[in-house]
Amino acid sequence: MREGAREAILGRLRAARRGEDGAAPSDFAVVREKRWPEAERLPRLRRLMEAAHAEFLEATGESWPSAVRDLLVEAGARNVMVGAGSAVEARLAEAWSGLPGGPELLRYDRPVEELKGVLFGSVDAGLTTCEGGLAETGSLVVVPTPEEPRLLSLVPPIHLVLLDPATVRDGLWQLLAEPRFANGMPPNALLISGPSKTADIEQTLAYGVHGPKRLVVVVVPGGATPSRGS
């Protein structure tokens, strides 16, 4: 490298360290100001997710356990796994108590090393909550917790997600600006838009090769469980 070129590069590095590089400040207005009317967020989310082969099931705070049970019976699911100690588990156990037949309620209550044989071999469906949705991209935001581990949404052939329409944000910027994320990012978050899919070299799509074959969004206005806070 010629001496002049070397000095020019070093000079730019020294100027950058002193804040003299003249770089323009970052402008996030294009994502920060991208908005949709509240009434349009859920329809947009649904339209984009259905285009990615997600399914939607309308329910209420009272009816969602029955709606989930009916869907699983229709799908021929022998069981559904939920997070042990979660509000979802308590609600389903109460609603399904004493009902004949139907899917068995399984608990994710052990370390994966002890549970993987069941989880990967015989669980038909997993049910989780989510932080909400993103209207811009048509995605659900699933944040794993000790009560709802990540594999609960990634392994079973059917993944059911409870969604409160009020938690659908405009986009990722609005989500990250909220106190829950701005004051401490969770160690893990999943953005899910549809069932698992992959394609070969000829771009022939196959679903469920390495994850759920079906993604069912159970829409519950007002929420299905107590809020985990913001």
Protein backbone atom coordinates (compact mmCIF):
# COMPACT_ATOMS: atom_id res chain seq x y z
CA MET A 1 0.00 0.00 0.00
CA ARG A 2 1.36 3.43 -0.92
CA GLU A 3 2.19 5.71 1.98
CA GLY A 4 -0.30 8.33 0.89
CA ALA A 5 -3.19 5.88 0.75
CA ARG A 6 -2.21 4.42 4.11
CA GLU A 7 -2.19 7.84 5.76
CA ALA A 8 -5.54 8.70 4.20
CA ILE A 9 -7.14 5.56 5.67
CA LEU A 10 -5.58 6.14 9.10
CA GLY A 11 -6.69 9.76 8.97
CA ARG A 12 -10.28 8.79 8.38
CA LEU A 13 -10.14 6.29 11.27
CA ARG A 14 -8.73 8.94 13.63
CA ALA A 15 -11.39 11.41 12.53
CA ALA A 16 -14.12 8.82 13.13
CA ARG A 17 -12.85 8.25 16.69
CA ARG A 18 -13.00 12.01 17.31
CA GLY A 19 -16.50 12.20 15.87
CA GLU A 20 -15.30 14.16 12.84
CA ASP A 21 -16.25 11.64 10.17
CA GLY A 22 -19.28 13.64 9.13
CA ALA A 23 -21.54 10.59 8.99
CA ALA A 24 -25.21 11.49 8.74
CA PRO A 25 -27.32 10.57 11.79
CA SER A 26 -29.45 7.49 11.41
CA ASP A 27 -33.01 8.23 10.27
CA PHE A 28 -35.62 5.65 11.28
CA ALA A 29 -38.61 7.76 10.23
CA VAL A 30 -39.52 5.38 7.40
CA VAL A 31 -40.21 2.55 9.87
CA ARG A 32 -41.25 4.68 12.84
CA GLU A 33 -43.98 6.49 10.93
CA LYS A 34 -45.36 3.51 9.00
CA ARG A 35 -48.84 3.14 10.51
CA TRP A 36 -52.25 1.62 9.89
CA PRO A 37 -55.59 2.56 11.46
CA GLU A 38 -56.32 0.32 14.43
CA ALA A 39 -59.27 -1.29 12.64
CA GLU A 40 -57.03 -2.33 9.73
CA ARG A 41 -54.21 -3.99 11.70
CA LEU A 42 -55.82 -7.38 12.36
CA PRO A 43 -57.31 -7.72 8.83
CA ARG A 44 -53.92 -6.90 7.31
CA LEU A 45 -52.15 -9.35 9.63
CA ARG A 46 -54.65 -12.05 8.76
CA ARG A 47 -54.44 -11.43 5.03
CA LEU A 48 -50.64 -11.67 5.00
CA MET A 49 -50.52 -14.72 7.28
CA GLU A 50 -53.19 -16.59 5.34
CA ALA A 51 -51.13 -15.96 2.21
CA ALA A 52 -48.36 -17.87 4.04
CA HIS A 53 -50.80 -20.75 4.80
CA ALA A 54 -51.62 -19.80 8.39
CA GLU A 55 -55.17 -20.50 9.60
CA PHE A 56 -57.42 -18.35 11.77
CA LEU A 57 -60.03 -19.39 14.31
CA GLU A 58 -62.41 -16.83 15.82
CA ALA A 59 -63.32 -17.29 19.49
CA THR A 60 -64.16 -15.42 22.68
CA GLY A 61 -62.75 -15.35 26.17
CA GLU A 62 -65.33 -17.93 27.19
CA SER A 63 -65.43 -20.13 24.11
CA TRP A 64 -61.79 -20.52 23.10
CA PRO A 65 -61.12 -23.75 25.09
CA SER A 66 -64.10 -25.39 23.35
CA ALA A 67 -63.07 -24.00 19.97
CA VAL A 68 -59.55 -25.37 20.41
CA ARG A 69 -60.91 -28.76 21.48
CA ASP A 70 -63.23 -28.96 18.46
CA LEU A 71 -60.40 -28.06 16.07
CA LEU A 72 -58.09 -30.70 17.57
CA VAL A 73 -60.82 -33.37 17.41
CA GLU A 74 -61.46 -32.51 13.77
CA ALA A 75 -57.72 -32.68 13.05
CA GLY A 76 -57.49 -36.11 14.68
CA ALA A 77 -55.02 -34.88 17.29
CA ARG A 78 -54.58 -37.30 20.16
CA ASN A 79 -53.13 -34.67 22.50
CA VAL A 80 -52.01 -31.07 22.95
CA MET A 81 -49.05 -29.91 25.01
CA VAL A 82 -49.11 -26.69 27.05
CA GLY A 83 -46.68 -25.02 29.39
CA ALA A 84 -46.83 -26.43 32.92
CA GLY A 85 -48.03 -23.82 35.39
CA SER A 86 -49.21 -21.44 32.69
CA ALA A 87 -52.58 -19.72 32.76
CA VAL A 88 -53.41 -21.58 29.54
CA GLU A 89 -52.95 -24.94 31.25
CA ALA A 90 -55.20 -23.96 34.16
CA ARG A 91 -57.93 -22.70 31.84
CA LEU A 92 -57.94 -25.79 29.62
CA ALA A 93 -57.80 -28.19 32.57
CA GLU A 94 -60.85 -26.49 34.06
CA ALA A 95 -62.82 -26.27 30.80
CA TRP A 96 -62.07 -29.84 29.69
CA SER A 97 -62.52 -31.47 33.07
CA GLY A 98 -65.07 -34.28 32.91
CA LEU A 99 -65.56 -34.11 29.15
CA PRO A 100 -65.50 -37.55 27.50
CA GLY A 101 -62.99 -38.33 24.77
CA GLY A 102 -61.11 -35.58 23.03
CA PRO A 103 -57.40 -34.78 23.07
CA GLU A 104 -55.28 -35.46 26.14
CA LEU A 105 -53.79 -32.41 27.87
CA LEU A 106 -50.02 -32.83 28.19
CA ARG A 107 -47.70 -30.65 30.31
CA TYR A 108 -44.27 -29.36 29.33
CA ASP A 109 -43.01 -29.95 32.86
CA ARG A 110 -39.51 -31.41 32.55
CA PRO A 111 -36.14 -30.49 31.00
CA VAL A 112 -35.98 -31.20 27.29
CA GLU A 113 -33.46 -33.99 27.89
CA GLU A 114 -36.16 -35.89 29.76
CA LEU A 115 -39.05 -34.83 27.56
CA LYS A 116 -37.63 -35.03 24.04
CA GLY A 117 -38.80 -38.59 23.39
CA VAL A 118 -42.41 -37.56 23.94
CA LEU A 119 -42.06 -34.09 22.45
CA PHE A 120 -40.48 -35.25 19.20
CA GLY A 121 -42.23 -38.60 18.99
CA SER A 122 -45.84 -38.41 20.09
CA VAL A 123 -47.05 -34.84 20.69
CA ASP A 124 -49.60 -33.82 18.06
CA ALA A 125 -50.11 -30.15 18.95
CA GLY A 126 -48.62 -27.36 21.02
CA LEU A 127 -50.54 -24.35 22.34
CA THR A 128 -48.88 -21.05 23.29
CA THR A 129 -49.67 -17.42 23.88
CA CYS A 130 -47.89 -14.57 22.08
CA GLU A 131 -46.85 -10.99 22.70
CA GLY A 132 -48.96 -9.87 19.77
CA GLY A 133 -48.72 -9.39 16.03
CA LEU A 134 -47.07 -7.10 13.49
CA ALA A 135 -49.39 -5.71 10.81
CA GLU A 136 -46.52 -4.59 8.59
CA THR A 137 -45.07 -8.06 8.02
CA GLY A 138 -47.96 -10.34 8.99
CA SER A 139 -46.10 -11.95 11.87
CA LEU A 140 -46.77 -13.12 15.41
CA VAL A 141 -44.26 -12.32 18.15
CA VAL A 142 -43.77 -15.35 20.39
CA VAL A 143 -41.48 -14.81 23.39
CA PRO A 144 -40.53 -18.10 25.06
CA THR A 145 -40.65 -18.23 28.87
CA PRO A 146 -39.92 -20.91 31.47
CA GLU A 147 -43.66 -21.70 31.42
CA GLU A 148 -43.79 -21.81 27.61
CA PRO A 149 -40.41 -23.01 26.29
CA ARG A 150 -39.38 -22.34 22.71
CA LEU A 151 -39.71 -25.95 21.54
CA LEU A 152 -43.43 -25.88 22.39
CA SER A 153 -43.97 -23.70 19.32
CA LEU A 154 -41.31 -25.23 17.06
CA VAL A 155 -41.73 -29.02 17.33
CA PRO A 156 -45.39 -30.26 17.42
CA PRO A 157 -47.01 -30.75 13.97
CA ILE A 158 -49.80 -28.31 14.90
CA HIS A 159 -49.01 -25.00 16.60
CA LEU A 160 -51.96 -23.07 18.04
CA VAL A 161 -51.37 -19.48 19.17
CA LEU A 162 -53.75 -17.36 21.24
CA LEU A 163 -53.90 -13.78 19.92
CA ASP A 164 -55.66 -10.76 21.42
CA PRO A 165 -56.42 -8.34 18.52
CA ALA A 166 -55.56 -5.39 20.78
CA THR A 167 -51.93 -6.55 20.83
CA VAL A 168 -51.42 -6.23 17.05
CA ARG A 169 -48.93 -3.39 16.52
CA ASP A 170 -48.14 -1.54 13.32
CA GLY A 171 -44.65 -2.98 13.02
CA LEU A 172 -41.48 -4.09 14.76
CA TRP A 173 -40.42 -0.52 15.58
CA GLN A 174 -43.54 0.09 17.67
CA LEU A 175 -43.01 -3.19 19.54
CA LEU A 176 -39.37 -2.46 20.34
CA ALA A 177 -40.24 1.03 21.57
CA GLU A 178 -42.55 -0.35 24.26
CA PRO A 179 -41.18 -0.46 27.84
CA ARG A 180 -41.13 -4.28 28.03
CA PHE A 181 -38.64 -4.42 25.16
CA ALA A 182 -36.96 -1.02 25.37
CA ASN A 183 -36.04 -1.52 29.04
CA GLY A 184 -34.79 -5.07 28.64
CA MET A 185 -34.88 -7.19 25.51
CA PRO A 186 -35.95 -10.78 26.10
CA PRO A 187 -33.15 -13.28 25.39
CA ASN A 188 -35.22 -14.93 22.71
CA ALA A 189 -38.13 -13.96 20.48
CA LEU A 190 -39.71 -15.67 17.48
CA LEU A 191 -41.42 -13.94 14.55
CA ILE A 192 -43.81 -16.46 13.02
CA SER A 193 -45.80 -15.87 9.84
CA GLY A 194 -46.94 -19.37 8.89
CA PRO A 195 -46.24 -23.09 9.20
CA SER A 196 -42.74 -24.40 8.64
CA LYS A 197 -41.80 -24.61 4.98
CA THR A 198 -38.77 -25.30 2.85
CA ALA A 199 -38.03 -25.61 -0.85
CA ASP A 200 -35.70 -27.73 -2.95
CA ILE A 201 -33.52 -26.43 -5.75
CA GLU A 202 -36.55 -26.36 -8.06
CA GLN A 203 -38.41 -24.20 -5.48
CA THR A 204 -41.04 -26.84 -4.80
CA LEU A 205 -42.46 -25.95 -1.37
CA ALA A 206 -42.88 -28.58 1.33
CA TYR A 207 -44.57 -27.85 4.64
CA GLY A 208 -43.72 -29.25 8.05
CA VAL A 209 -40.34 -30.74 7.19
CA HIS A 210 -38.61 -29.14 10.17
CA GLY A 211 -41.46 -27.73 12.26
CA PRO A 212 -45.24 -27.36 12.48
CA LYS A 213 -47.27 -28.38 9.43
CA ARG A 214 -50.14 -26.16 10.59
CA LEU A 215 -50.21 -22.78 12.31
CA VAL A 216 -53.60 -21.89 13.77
CA VAL A 217 -54.12 -18.39 15.19
CA VAL A 218 -56.93 -18.40 17.75
CA VAL A 219 -58.24 -14.83 17.86
CA VAL A 220 -59.61 -13.99 21.33
CA PRO A 221 -60.74 -10.36 21.78
CA GLY A 222 -59.90 -9.20 25.28
CA GLY A 223 -57.33 -11.95 25.72
CA ALA A 224 -57.47 -15.56 26.80
CA THR A 225 -55.21 -15.30 29.84
CA PRO A 226 -54.11 -12.59 32.27
CA SER A 227 -51.55 -10.22 30.77
CA ARG A 228 -47.88 -10.82 31.54
CA GLY A 229 -47.37 -7.10 31.74
CA SER A 230 -45.55 -4.62 29.62
